[in-house]
Amino acid sequence: MNSRSKTKLTSSEKRILTAYNRDEFKSIQSPEQLENVRSAARATTLKDQRINIRMSSDDLDDIREIAREEGLPYQSLIASILHKYVTGRLIERKRDRKTLKRAR
């Protein structure tokens, strides 16, 4: 049985597979380049500071509900939101707070 024929790929995945099959990806050649990439990855995931913030109970309840929907701890959701904000990658999306409150 050919498992490849049963795999459904998105258009993005198909483009990546085509590029891979054409050898369009290049591996990191030098140890210096590899260390730069590793350093950037460590810096992105490093969580070495703690903060305390005050927020409304309603906002915290909503954040906890969203985190439950996403399947992650609410502190991780808050950290992710803050990281996306400071790196300019936060995309504003309107949420219906009434829907969140009904889900509780």
PDB file of N, CA and C in Angstrom:
ATOM      1  N   MET A   1       0.852  -1.176   0.000  1.00  0.00           N
ATOM      2  CA  MET A   1       0.000   0.000   0.000  1.00  0.00           C
ATOM      3  C   MET A   1       0.896   1.237   0.000  1.00  0.00           C
ATOM      4  N   ASN A   2       0.583   2.188  -0.850  1.00  0.00           N
ATOM      5  CA  ASN A   2       1.369   3.403  -0.951  1.00  0.00           C
ATOM      6  C   ASN A   2       0.771   4.467  -0.036  1.00  0.00           C
ATOM      7  N   SER A   3       1.430   4.735   1.096  1.00  0.00           N
ATOM      8  CA  SER A   3       0.905   5.703   2.059  1.00  0.00           C
ATOM      9  C   SER A   3       0.988   7.123   1.520  1.00  0.00           C
ATOM     10  N   ARG A   4       1.851   7.333   0.558  1.00  0.00           N
ATOM     11  CA  ARG A   4       2.007   8.665  -0.012  1.00  0.00           C
ATOM     12  C   ARG A   4       0.737   9.123  -0.725  1.00  0.00           C
ATOM     13  N   SER A   5       0.027   8.208  -1.366  1.00  0.00           N
ATOM     14  CA  SER A   5      -1.173   8.574  -2.103  1.00  0.00           C
ATOM     15  C   SER A   5      -2.316   8.972  -1.175  1.00  0.00           C
ATOM     16  N   LYS A   6      -2.288   8.525   0.082  1.00  0.00           N
ATOM     17  CA  LYS A   6      -3.351   8.858   1.026  1.00  0.00           C
ATOM     18  C   LYS A   6      -3.102  10.167   1.760  1.00  0.00           C
ATOM     19  N   THR A   7      -1.888  10.698   1.665  1.00  0.00           N
ATOM     20  CA  THR A   7      -1.555  11.918   2.379  1.00  0.00           C
ATOM     21  C   THR A   7      -2.093  13.134   1.639  1.00  0.00           C
ATOM     22  N   LYS A   8      -2.872  13.933   2.328  1.00  0.00           N
ATOM     23  CA  LYS A   8      -3.417  15.155   1.749  1.00  0.00           C
ATOM     24  C   LYS A   8      -2.527  16.320   2.176  1.00  0.00           C
ATOM     25  N   LEU A   9      -1.961  17.021   1.208  1.00  0.00           N
ATOM     26  CA  LEU A   9      -1.092  18.150   1.500  1.00  0.00           C
ATOM     27  C   LEU A   9      -1.799  19.446   1.166  1.00  0.00           C
ATOM     28  N   THR A  10      -1.547  20.463   1.983  1.00  0.00           N
ATOM     29  CA  THR A  10      -2.058  21.788   1.665  1.00  0.00           C
ATOM     30  C   THR A  10      -1.218  22.365   0.540  1.00  0.00           C
ATOM     31  N   SER A  11      -1.666  23.454  -0.045  1.00  0.00           N
ATOM     32  CA  SER A  11      -0.896  24.065  -1.133  1.00  0.00           C
ATOM     33  C   SER A  11       0.474  24.536  -0.631  1.00  0.00           C
ATOM     34  N   SER A  12       0.523  25.025   0.594  1.00  0.00           N
ATOM     35  CA  SER A  12       1.797  25.447   1.178  1.00  0.00           C
ATOM     36  C   SER A  12       2.739  24.260   1.350  1.00  0.00           C
ATOM     37  N   GLU A  13       2.204  23.142   1.839  1.00  0.00           N
ATOM     38  CA  GLU A  13       3.023  21.940   2.006  1.00  0.00           C
ATOM     39  C   GLU A  13       3.509  21.411   0.659  1.00  0.00           C
ATOM     40  N   LYS A  14       2.658  21.506  -0.362  1.00  0.00           N
ATOM     41  CA  LYS A  14       3.055  21.071  -1.703  1.00  0.00           C
ATOM     42  C   LYS A  14       4.212  21.916  -2.237  1.00  0.00           C
ATOM     43  N   ARG A  15       4.156  23.232  -1.995  1.00  0.00           N
ATOM     44  CA  ARG A  15       5.252  24.117  -2.441  1.00  0.00           C
ATOM     45  C   ARG A  15       6.558  23.758  -1.735  1.00  0.00           C
ATOM     46  N   ILE A  16       6.468  23.478  -0.440  1.00  0.00           N
ATOM     47  CA  ILE A  16       7.666  23.100   0.319  1.00  0.00           C
ATOM     48  C   ILE A  16       8.228  21.785  -0.202  1.00  0.00           C
ATOM     49  N   LEU A  17       7.361  20.809  -0.430  1.00  0.00           N
ATOM     50  CA  LEU A  17       7.808  19.512  -0.943  1.00  0.00           C
ATOM     51  C   LEU A  17       8.449  19.653  -2.317  1.00  0.00           C
ATOM     52  N   THR A  18       7.862  20.453  -3.190  1.00  0.00           N
ATOM     53  CA  THR A  18       8.432  20.683  -4.512  1.00  0.00           C
ATOM     54  C   THR A  18       9.807  21.327  -4.400  1.00  0.00           C
ATOM     55  N   ALA A  19       9.925  22.336  -3.547  1.00  0.00           N
ATOM     56  CA  ALA A  19      11.222  23.002  -3.353  1.00  0.00           C
ATOM     57  C   ALA A  19      12.249  22.023  -2.805  1.00  0.00           C
ATOM     58  N   TYR A  20      11.829  21.178  -1.880  1.00  0.00           N
ATOM     59  CA  TYR A  20      12.741  20.174  -1.317  1.00  0.00           C
ATOM     60  C   TYR A  20      13.202  19.198  -2.396  1.00  0.00           C
ATOM     61  N   ASN A  21      12.259  18.721  -3.189  1.00  0.00           N
ATOM     62  CA  ASN A  21      12.598  17.771  -4.248  1.00  0.00           C
ATOM     63  C   ASN A  21      13.512  18.383  -5.309  1.00  0.00           C
ATOM     64  N   ARG A  22      13.478  19.690  -5.463  1.00  0.00           N
ATOM     65  CA  ARG A  22      14.349  20.383  -6.418  1.00  0.00           C
ATOM     66  C   ARG A  22      15.684  20.795  -5.783  1.00  0.00           C
ATOM     67  N   ASP A  23      15.916  20.360  -4.557  1.00  0.00           N
ATOM     68  CA  ASP A  23      17.140  20.712  -3.822  1.00  0.00           C
ATOM     69  C   ASP A  23      17.318  22.219  -3.665  1.00  0.00           C
ATOM     70  N   GLU A  24      16.216  22.920  -3.414  1.00  0.00           N
ATOM     71  CA  GLU A  24      16.273  24.370  -3.254  1.00  0.00           C
ATOM     72  C   GLU A  24      16.630  24.794  -1.835  1.00  0.00           C
ATOM     73  N   PHE A  25      16.639  23.842  -0.913  1.00  0.00           N
ATOM     74  CA  PHE A  25      17.018  24.155   0.457  1.00  0.00           C
ATOM     75  C   PHE A  25      18.517  23.970   0.609  1.00  0.00           C
ATOM     76  N   LYS A  26      19.133  24.875   1.352  1.00  0.00           N
ATOM     77  CA  LYS A  26      20.569  24.774   1.587  1.00  0.00           C
ATOM     78  C   LYS A  26      20.809  24.623   3.084  1.00  0.00           C
ATOM     79  N   SER A  27      21.649  23.685   3.425  1.00  0.00           N
ATOM     80  CA  SER A  27      21.970  23.504   4.833  1.00  0.00           C
ATOM     81  C   SER A  27      22.973  24.571   5.253  1.00  0.00           C
ATOM     82  N   ILE A  28      23.061  24.773   6.542  1.00  0.00           N
ATOM     83  CA  ILE A  28      24.013  25.736   7.083  1.00  0.00           C
ATOM     84  C   ILE A  28      25.403  25.129   6.937  1.00  0.00           C
ATOM     85  N   GLN A  29      26.288  25.884   6.312  1.00  0.00           N
ATOM     86  CA  GLN A  29      27.597  25.353   5.966  1.00  0.00           C
ATOM     87  C   GLN A  29      28.638  25.492   7.076  1.00  0.00           C
ATOM     88  N   SER A  30      28.717  26.668   7.662  1.00  0.00           N
ATOM     89  CA  SER A  30      29.819  26.895   8.592  1.00  0.00           C
ATOM     90  C   SER A  30      29.369  26.707  10.046  1.00  0.00           C
ATOM     91  N   PRO A  31      30.299  26.325  10.903  1.00  0.00           N
ATOM     92  CA  PRO A  31      29.980  26.219  12.337  1.00  0.00           C
ATOM     93  C   PRO A  31      29.515  27.567  12.907  1.00  0.00           C
ATOM     94  N   GLU A  32      30.046  28.655  12.371  1.00  0.00           N
ATOM     95  CA  GLU A  32      29.648  29.991  12.846  1.00  0.00           C
ATOM     96  C   GLU A  32      28.183  30.264  12.522  1.00  0.00           C
ATOM     97  N   GLN A  33      27.749  29.919  11.307  1.00  0.00           N
ATOM     98  CA  GLN A  33      26.346  30.097  10.943  1.00  0.00           C
ATOM     99  C   GLN A  33      25.445  29.232  11.815  1.00  0.00           C
ATOM    100  N   LEU A  34      25.852  28.007  12.049  1.00  0.00           N
ATOM    101  CA  LEU A  34      25.078  27.095  12.882  1.00  0.00           C
ATOM    102  C   LEU A  34      24.953  27.641  14.299  1.00  0.00           C
ATOM    103  N   GLU A  35      26.033  28.167  14.849  1.00  0.00           N
ATOM    104  CA  GLU A  35      25.999  28.726  16.201  1.00  0.00           C
ATOM    105  C   GLU A  35      25.099  29.957  16.253  1.00  0.00           C
ATOM    106  N   ASN A  36      25.098  30.780  15.200  1.00  0.00           N
ATOM    107  CA  ASN A  36      24.213  31.951  15.151  1.00  0.00           C
ATOM    108  C   ASN A  36      22.749  31.528  15.188  1.00  0.00           C
ATOM    109  N   VAL A  37      22.412  30.486  14.447  1.00  0.00           N
ATOM    110  CA  VAL A  37      21.034  29.995  14.425  1.00  0.00           C
ATOM    111  C   VAL A  37      20.661  29.407  15.784  1.00  0.00           C
ATOM    112  N   ARG A  38      21.565  28.634  16.367  1.00  0.00           N
ATOM    113  CA  ARG A  38      21.291  28.049  17.688  1.00  0.00           C
ATOM    114  C   ARG A  38      21.124  29.140  18.741  1.00  0.00           C
ATOM    115  N   SER A  39      21.966  30.158  18.675  1.00  0.00           N
ATOM    116  CA  SER A  39      21.891  31.260  19.625  1.00  0.00           C
ATOM    117  C   SER A  39      20.558  31.994  19.507  1.00  0.00           C
ATOM    118  N   ALA A  40      20.130  32.228  18.276  1.00  0.00           N
ATOM    119  CA  ALA A  40      18.843  32.903  18.062  1.00  0.00           C
ATOM    120  C   ALA A  40      17.696  32.049  18.602  1.00  0.00           C
ATOM    121  N   ALA A  41      17.763  30.734  18.393  1.00  0.00           N
ATOM    122  CA  ALA A  41      16.715  29.839  18.898  1.00  0.00           C
ATOM    123  C   ALA A  41      16.675  29.853  20.421  1.00  0.00           C
ATOM    124  N   ARG A  42      17.857  29.816  21.060  1.00  0.00           N
ATOM    125  CA  ARG A  42      17.899  29.852  22.528  1.00  0.00           C
ATOM    126  C   ARG A  42      17.333  31.167  23.054  1.00  0.00           C
ATOM    127  N   ALA A  43      17.696  32.271  22.412  1.00  0.00           N
ATOM    128  CA  ALA A  43      17.225  33.579  22.862  1.00  0.00           C
ATOM    129  C   ALA A  43      15.708  33.694  22.741  1.00  0.00           C
ATOM    130  N   THR A  44      15.151  33.064  21.724  1.00  0.00           N
ATOM    131  CA  THR A  44      13.709  33.113  21.514  1.00  0.00           C
ATOM    132  C   THR A  44      12.964  32.336  22.575  1.00  0.00           C
ATOM    133  N   THR A  45      13.521  31.223  23.018  1.00  0.00           N
ATOM    134  CA  THR A  45      12.813  30.378  23.977  1.00  0.00           C
ATOM    135  C   THR A  45      13.214  30.612  25.422  1.00  0.00           C
ATOM    136  N   LEU A  46      14.243  31.404  25.651  1.00  0.00           N
ATOM    137  CA  LEU A  46      14.727  31.649  27.005  1.00  0.00           C
ATOM    138  C   LEU A  46      13.725  32.479  27.792  1.00  0.00           C
ATOM    139  N   LYS A  47      13.343  31.972  28.935  1.00  0.00           N
ATOM    140  CA  LYS A  47      12.430  32.696  29.821  1.00  0.00           C
ATOM    141  C   LYS A  47      13.135  32.840  31.152  1.00  0.00           C
ATOM    142  N   ASP A  48      13.867  33.935  31.298  1.00  0.00           N
ATOM    143  CA  ASP A  48      14.695  34.093  32.487  1.00  0.00           C
ATOM    144  C   ASP A  48      14.228  35.204  33.422  1.00  0.00           C
ATOM    145  N   GLN A  49      13.076  35.805  33.139  1.00  0.00           N
ATOM    146  CA  GLN A  49      12.574  36.886  33.975  1.00  0.00           C
ATOM    147  C   GLN A  49      11.137  36.593  34.385  1.00  0.00           C
ATOM    148  N   ARG A  50      10.822  37.006  35.601  1.00  0.00           N
ATOM    149  CA  ARG A  50       9.452  36.886  36.096  1.00  0.00           C
ATOM    150  C   ARG A  50       8.880  38.283  36.212  1.00  0.00           C
ATOM    151  N   ILE A  51       7.586  38.399  35.984  1.00  0.00           N
ATOM    152  CA  ILE A  51       6.899  39.670  36.194  1.00  0.00           C
ATOM    153  C   ILE A  51       5.611  39.407  36.956  1.00  0.00           C
ATOM    154  N   ASN A  52       5.137  40.418  37.628  1.00  0.00           N
ATOM    155  CA  ASN A  52       3.825  40.385  38.269  1.00  0.00           C
ATOM    156  C   ASN A  52       3.012  41.510  37.673  1.00  0.00           C
ATOM    157  N   ILE A  53       1.800  41.215  37.278  1.00  0.00           N
ATOM    158  CA  ILE A  53       0.934  42.256  36.722  1.00  0.00           C
ATOM    159  C   ILE A  53      -0.432  42.167  37.380  1.00  0.00           C
ATOM    160  N   ARG A  54      -1.086  43.295  37.406  1.00  0.00           N
ATOM    161  CA  ARG A  54      -2.457  43.326  37.903  1.00  0.00           C
ATOM    162  C   ARG A  54      -3.367  43.522  36.697  1.00  0.00           C
ATOM    163  N   MET A  55      -4.444  42.756  36.699  1.00  0.00           N
ATOM    164  CA  MET A  55      -5.421  42.883  35.623  1.00  0.00           C
ATOM    165  C   MET A  55      -6.794  42.547  36.168  1.00  0.00           C
ATOM    166  N   SER A  56      -7.808  42.897  35.408  1.00  0.00           N
ATOM    167  CA  SER A  56      -9.168  42.642  35.891  1.00  0.00           C
ATOM    168  C   SER A  56      -9.443  41.138  35.905  1.00  0.00           C
ATOM    169  N   SER A  57     -10.301  40.746  36.811  1.00  0.00           N
ATOM    170  CA  SER A  57     -10.693  39.334  36.915  1.00  0.00           C
ATOM    171  C   SER A  57     -11.342  38.855  35.632  1.00  0.00           C
ATOM    172  N   ASP A  58     -12.170  39.716  35.019  1.00  0.00           N
ATOM    173  CA  ASP A  58     -12.827  39.340  33.767  1.00  0.00           C
ATOM    174  C   ASP A  58     -11.808  39.069  32.667  1.00  0.00           C
ATOM    175  N   ASP A  59     -10.791  39.943  32.539  1.00  0.00           N
ATOM    176  CA  ASP A  59      -9.767  39.731  31.513  1.00  0.00           C
ATOM    177  C   ASP A  59      -9.004  38.436  31.765  1.00  0.00           C
ATOM    178  N   LEU A  60      -8.649  38.191  33.013  1.00  0.00           N
ATOM    179  CA  LEU A  60      -7.916  36.972  33.340  1.00  0.00           C
ATOM    180  C   LEU A  60      -8.775  35.736  33.065  1.00  0.00           C
ATOM    181  N   ASP A  61     -10.047  35.799  33.405  1.00  0.00           N
ATOM    182  CA  ASP A  61     -10.950  34.676  33.113  1.00  0.00           C
ATOM    183  C   ASP A  61     -11.025  34.425  31.607  1.00  0.00           C
ATOM    184  N   ASP A  62     -11.111  35.507  30.831  1.00  0.00           N
ATOM    185  CA  ASP A  62     -11.168  35.361  29.370  1.00  0.00           C
ATOM    186  C   ASP A  62      -9.868  34.763  28.828  1.00  0.00           C
ATOM    187  N   ILE A  63      -8.731  35.208  29.343  1.00  0.00           N
ATOM    188  CA  ILE A  63      -7.439  34.672  28.908  1.00  0.00           C
ATOM    189  C   ILE A  63      -7.353  33.190  29.249  1.00  0.00           C
ATOM    190  N   ARG A  64      -7.790  32.827  30.429  1.00  0.00           N
ATOM    191  CA  ARG A  64      -7.769  31.410  30.815  1.00  0.00           C
ATOM    192  C   ARG A  64      -8.661  30.571  29.899  1.00  0.00           C
ATOM    193  N   GLU A  65      -9.823  31.109  29.533  1.00  0.00           N
ATOM    194  CA  GLU A  65     -10.728  30.387  28.634  1.00  0.00           C
ATOM    195  C   GLU A  65     -10.100  30.227  27.248  1.00  0.00           C
ATOM    196  N   ILE A  66      -9.499  31.277  26.734  1.00  0.00           N
ATOM    197  CA  ILE A  66      -8.835  31.202  25.425  1.00  0.00           C
ATOM    198  C   ILE A  66      -7.696  30.190  25.479  1.00  0.00           C
ATOM    199  N   ALA A  67      -6.929  30.214  26.556  1.00  0.00           N
ATOM    200  CA  ALA A  67      -5.818  29.261  26.710  1.00  0.00           C
ATOM    201  C   ALA A  67      -6.344  27.824  26.736  1.00  0.00           C
ATOM    202  N   ARG A  68      -7.445  27.593  27.432  1.00  0.00           N
ATOM    203  CA  ARG A  68      -8.051  26.250  27.454  1.00  0.00           C
ATOM    204  C   ARG A  68      -8.439  25.818  26.036  1.00  0.00           C
ATOM    205  N   GLU A  69      -9.040  26.760  25.281  1.00  0.00           N
ATOM    206  CA  GLU A  69      -9.429  26.455  23.899  1.00  0.00           C
ATOM    207  C   GLU A  69      -8.208  26.113  23.048  1.00  0.00           C
ATOM    208  N   GLU A  70      -7.093  26.800  23.305  1.00  0.00           N
ATOM    209  CA  GLU A  70      -5.868  26.580  22.536  1.00  0.00           C
ATOM    210  C   GLU A  70      -5.055  25.400  23.058  1.00  0.00           C
ATOM    211  N   GLY A  71      -5.389  24.924  24.251  1.00  0.00           N
ATOM    212  CA  GLY A  71      -4.687  23.779  24.817  1.00  0.00           C
ATOM    213  C   GLY A  71      -3.311  24.107  25.372  1.00  0.00           C
ATOM    214  N   LEU A  72      -3.178  25.281  25.980  1.00  0.00           N
ATOM    215  CA  LEU A  72      -1.899  25.645  26.582  1.00  0.00           C
ATOM    216  C   LEU A  72      -2.125  26.394  27.886  1.00  0.00           C
ATOM    217  N   PRO A  73      -1.105  26.456  28.735  1.00  0.00           N
ATOM    218  CA  PRO A  73      -1.238  27.189  29.993  1.00  0.00           C
ATOM    219  C   PRO A  73      -1.466  28.686  29.731  1.00  0.00           C
ATOM    220  N   TYR A  74      -2.274  29.313  30.578  1.00  0.00           N
ATOM    221  CA  TYR A  74      -2.596  30.713  30.341  1.00  0.00           C
ATOM    222  C   TYR A  74      -1.364  31.618  30.435  1.00  0.00           C
ATOM    223  N   GLN A  75      -0.377  31.248  31.279  1.00  0.00           N
ATOM    224  CA  GLN A  75       0.832  32.054  31.364  1.00  0.00           C
ATOM    225  C   GLN A  75       1.596  32.010  30.043  1.00  0.00           C
ATOM    226  N   SER A  76       1.600  30.863  29.389  1.00  0.00           N
ATOM    227  CA  SER A  76       2.262  30.734  28.091  1.00  0.00           C
ATOM    228  C   SER A  76       1.549  31.577  27.038  1.00  0.00           C
ATOM    229  N   LEU A  77       0.222  31.608  27.105  1.00  0.00           N
ATOM    230  CA  LEU A  77      -0.539  32.446  26.178  1.00  0.00           C
ATOM    231  C   LEU A  77      -0.181  33.914  26.376  1.00  0.00           C
ATOM    232  N   ILE A  78      -0.128  34.363  27.613  1.00  0.00           N
ATOM    233  CA  ILE A  78       0.217  35.763  27.898  1.00  0.00           C
ATOM    234  C   ILE A  78       1.630  36.063  27.398  1.00  0.00           C
ATOM    235  N   ALA A  79       2.579  35.170  27.668  1.00  0.00           N
ATOM    236  CA  ALA A  79       3.955  35.375  27.203  1.00  0.00           C
ATOM    237  C   ALA A  79       4.012  35.434  25.679  1.00  0.00           C
ATOM    238  N   SER A  80       3.246  34.578  25.016  1.00  0.00           N
ATOM    239  CA  SER A  80       3.217  34.570  23.556  1.00  0.00           C
ATOM    240  C   SER A  80       2.649  35.876  23.008  1.00  0.00           C
ATOM    241  N   ILE A  81       1.581  36.347  23.607  1.00  0.00           N
ATOM    242  CA  ILE A  81       0.970  37.609  23.170  1.00  0.00           C
ATOM    243  C   ILE A  81       1.962  38.759  23.334  1.00  0.00           C
ATOM    244  N   LEU A  82       2.627  38.807  24.486  1.00  0.00           N
ATOM    245  CA  LEU A  82       3.602  39.878  24.724  1.00  0.00           C
ATOM    246  C   LEU A  82       4.771  39.791  23.744  1.00  0.00           C
ATOM    247  N   HIS A  83       5.257  38.573  23.486  1.00  0.00           N
ATOM    248  CA  HIS A  83       6.364  38.401  22.544  1.00  0.00           C
ATOM    249  C   HIS A  83       5.961  38.856  21.146  1.00  0.00           C
ATOM    250  N   LYS A  84       4.782  38.461  20.701  1.00  0.00           N
ATOM    251  CA  LYS A  84       4.324  38.878  19.377  1.00  0.00           C
ATOM    252  C   LYS A  84       4.162  40.389  19.309  1.00  0.00           C
ATOM    253  N   TYR A  85       3.706  41.004  20.391  1.00  0.00           N
ATOM    254  CA  TYR A  85       3.542  42.463  20.414  1.00  0.00           C
ATOM    255  C   TYR A  85       4.887  43.171  20.272  1.00  0.00           C
ATOM    256  N   VAL A  86       5.874  42.771  21.061  1.00  0.00           N
ATOM    257  CA  VAL A  86       7.158  43.482  21.032  1.00  0.00           C
ATOM    258  C   VAL A  86       7.944  43.214  19.756  1.00  0.00           C
ATOM    259  N   THR A  87       7.651  42.105  19.067  1.00  0.00           N
ATOM    260  CA  THR A  87       8.343  41.819  17.807  1.00  0.00           C
ATOM    261  C   THR A  87       7.542  42.303  16.604  1.00  0.00           C
ATOM    262  N   GLY A  88       6.408  42.943  16.844  1.00  0.00           N
ATOM    263  CA  GLY A  88       5.611  43.505  15.755  1.00  0.00           C
ATOM    264  C   GLY A  88       4.814  42.471  14.976  1.00  0.00           C
ATOM    265  N   ARG A  89       4.600  41.294  15.555  1.00  0.00           N
ATOM    266  CA  ARG A  89       3.881  40.235  14.847  1.00  0.00           C
ATOM    267  C   ARG A  89       2.491  39.964  15.410  1.00  0.00           C
ATOM    268  N   LEU A  90       2.036  40.810  16.322  1.00  0.00           N
ATOM    269  CA  LEU A  90       0.706  40.598  16.899  1.00  0.00           C
ATOM    270  C   LEU A  90      -0.338  41.089  15.901  1.00  0.00           C
ATOM    271  N   ILE A  91      -1.279  40.227  15.581  1.00  0.00           N
ATOM    272  CA  ILE A  91      -2.352  40.564  14.649  1.00  0.00           C
ATOM    273  C   ILE A  91      -3.625  40.715  15.453  1.00  0.00           C
ATOM    274  N   GLU A  92      -4.221  41.892  15.372  1.00  0.00           N
ATOM    275  CA  GLU A  92      -5.438  42.140  16.139  1.00  0.00           C
ATOM    276  C   GLU A  92      -6.611  41.408  15.509  1.00  0.00           C
ATOM    277  N   ARG A  93      -7.333  40.723  16.363  1.00  0.00           N
ATOM    278  CA  ARG A  93      -8.515  39.987  15.928  1.00  0.00           C
ATOM    279  C   ARG A  93      -9.605  40.241  16.955  1.00  0.00           C
ATOM    280  N   LYS A  94     -10.738  40.665  16.512  1.00  0.00           N
ATOM    281  CA  LYS A  94     -11.847  40.955  17.432  1.00  0.00           C
ATOM    282  C   LYS A  94     -12.440  39.654  17.952  1.00  0.00           C
ATOM    283  N   ARG A  95     -12.698  39.625  19.253  1.00  0.00           N
ATOM    284  CA  ARG A  95     -13.351  38.482  19.888  1.00  0.00           C
ATOM    285  C   ARG A  95     -14.663  38.951  20.489  1.00  0.00           C
ATOM    286  N   ASP A  96     -15.616  38.092  20.486  1.00  0.00           N
ATOM    287  CA  ASP A  96     -16.900  38.389  21.109  1.00  0.00           C
ATOM    288  C   ASP A  96     -16.811  37.974  22.568  1.00  0.00           C
ATOM    289  N   ARG A  97     -16.692  38.933  23.459  1.00  0.00           N
ATOM    290  CA  ARG A  97     -16.554  38.612  24.883  1.00  0.00           C
ATOM    291  C   ARG A  97     -17.782  37.898  25.424  1.00  0.00           C
ATOM    292  N   LYS A  98     -18.949  38.155  24.828  1.00  0.00           N
ATOM    293  CA  LYS A  98     -20.164  37.475  25.280  1.00  0.00           C
ATOM    294  C   LYS A  98     -20.042  35.973  25.052  1.00  0.00           C
ATOM    295  N   THR A  99     -19.429  35.584  23.926  1.00  0.00           N
ATOM    296  CA  THR A  99     -19.239  34.173  23.622  1.00  0.00           C
ATOM    297  C   THR A  99     -18.334  33.528  24.655  1.00  0.00           C
ATOM    298  N   LEU A 100     -17.266  34.220  25.038  1.00  0.00           N
ATOM    299  CA  LEU A 100     -16.358  33.686  26.056  1.00  0.00           C
ATOM    300  C   LEU A 100     -17.082  33.501  27.377  1.00  0.00           C
ATOM    301  N   LYS A 101     -17.871  34.482  27.755  1.00  0.00           N
ATOM    302  CA  LYS A 101     -18.563  34.417  29.043  1.00  0.00           C
ATOM    303  C   LYS A 101     -19.603  33.285  29.056  1.00  0.00           C
ATOM    304  N   ARG A 102     -20.244  33.020  27.916  1.00  0.00           N
ATOM    305  CA  ARG A 102     -21.222  31.944  27.841  1.00  0.00           C
ATOM    306  C   ARG A 102     -20.560  30.575  27.956  1.00  0.00           C
ATOM    307  N   ALA A 103     -19.298  30.489  27.526  1.00  0.00           N
ATOM    308  CA  ALA A 103     -18.602  29.200  27.534  1.00  0.00           C
ATOM    309  C   ALA A 103     -18.198  28.786  28.946  1.00  0.00           C
ATOM    310  N   ARG A 104     -18.201  29.694  29.879  1.00  0.00           N
ATOM    311  CA  ARG A 104     -17.782  29.377  31.255  1.00  0.00           C
ATOM    312  C   ARG A 104     -18.772  28.536  31.997  1.00  0.00           C
TER     313      ARG A 104
END
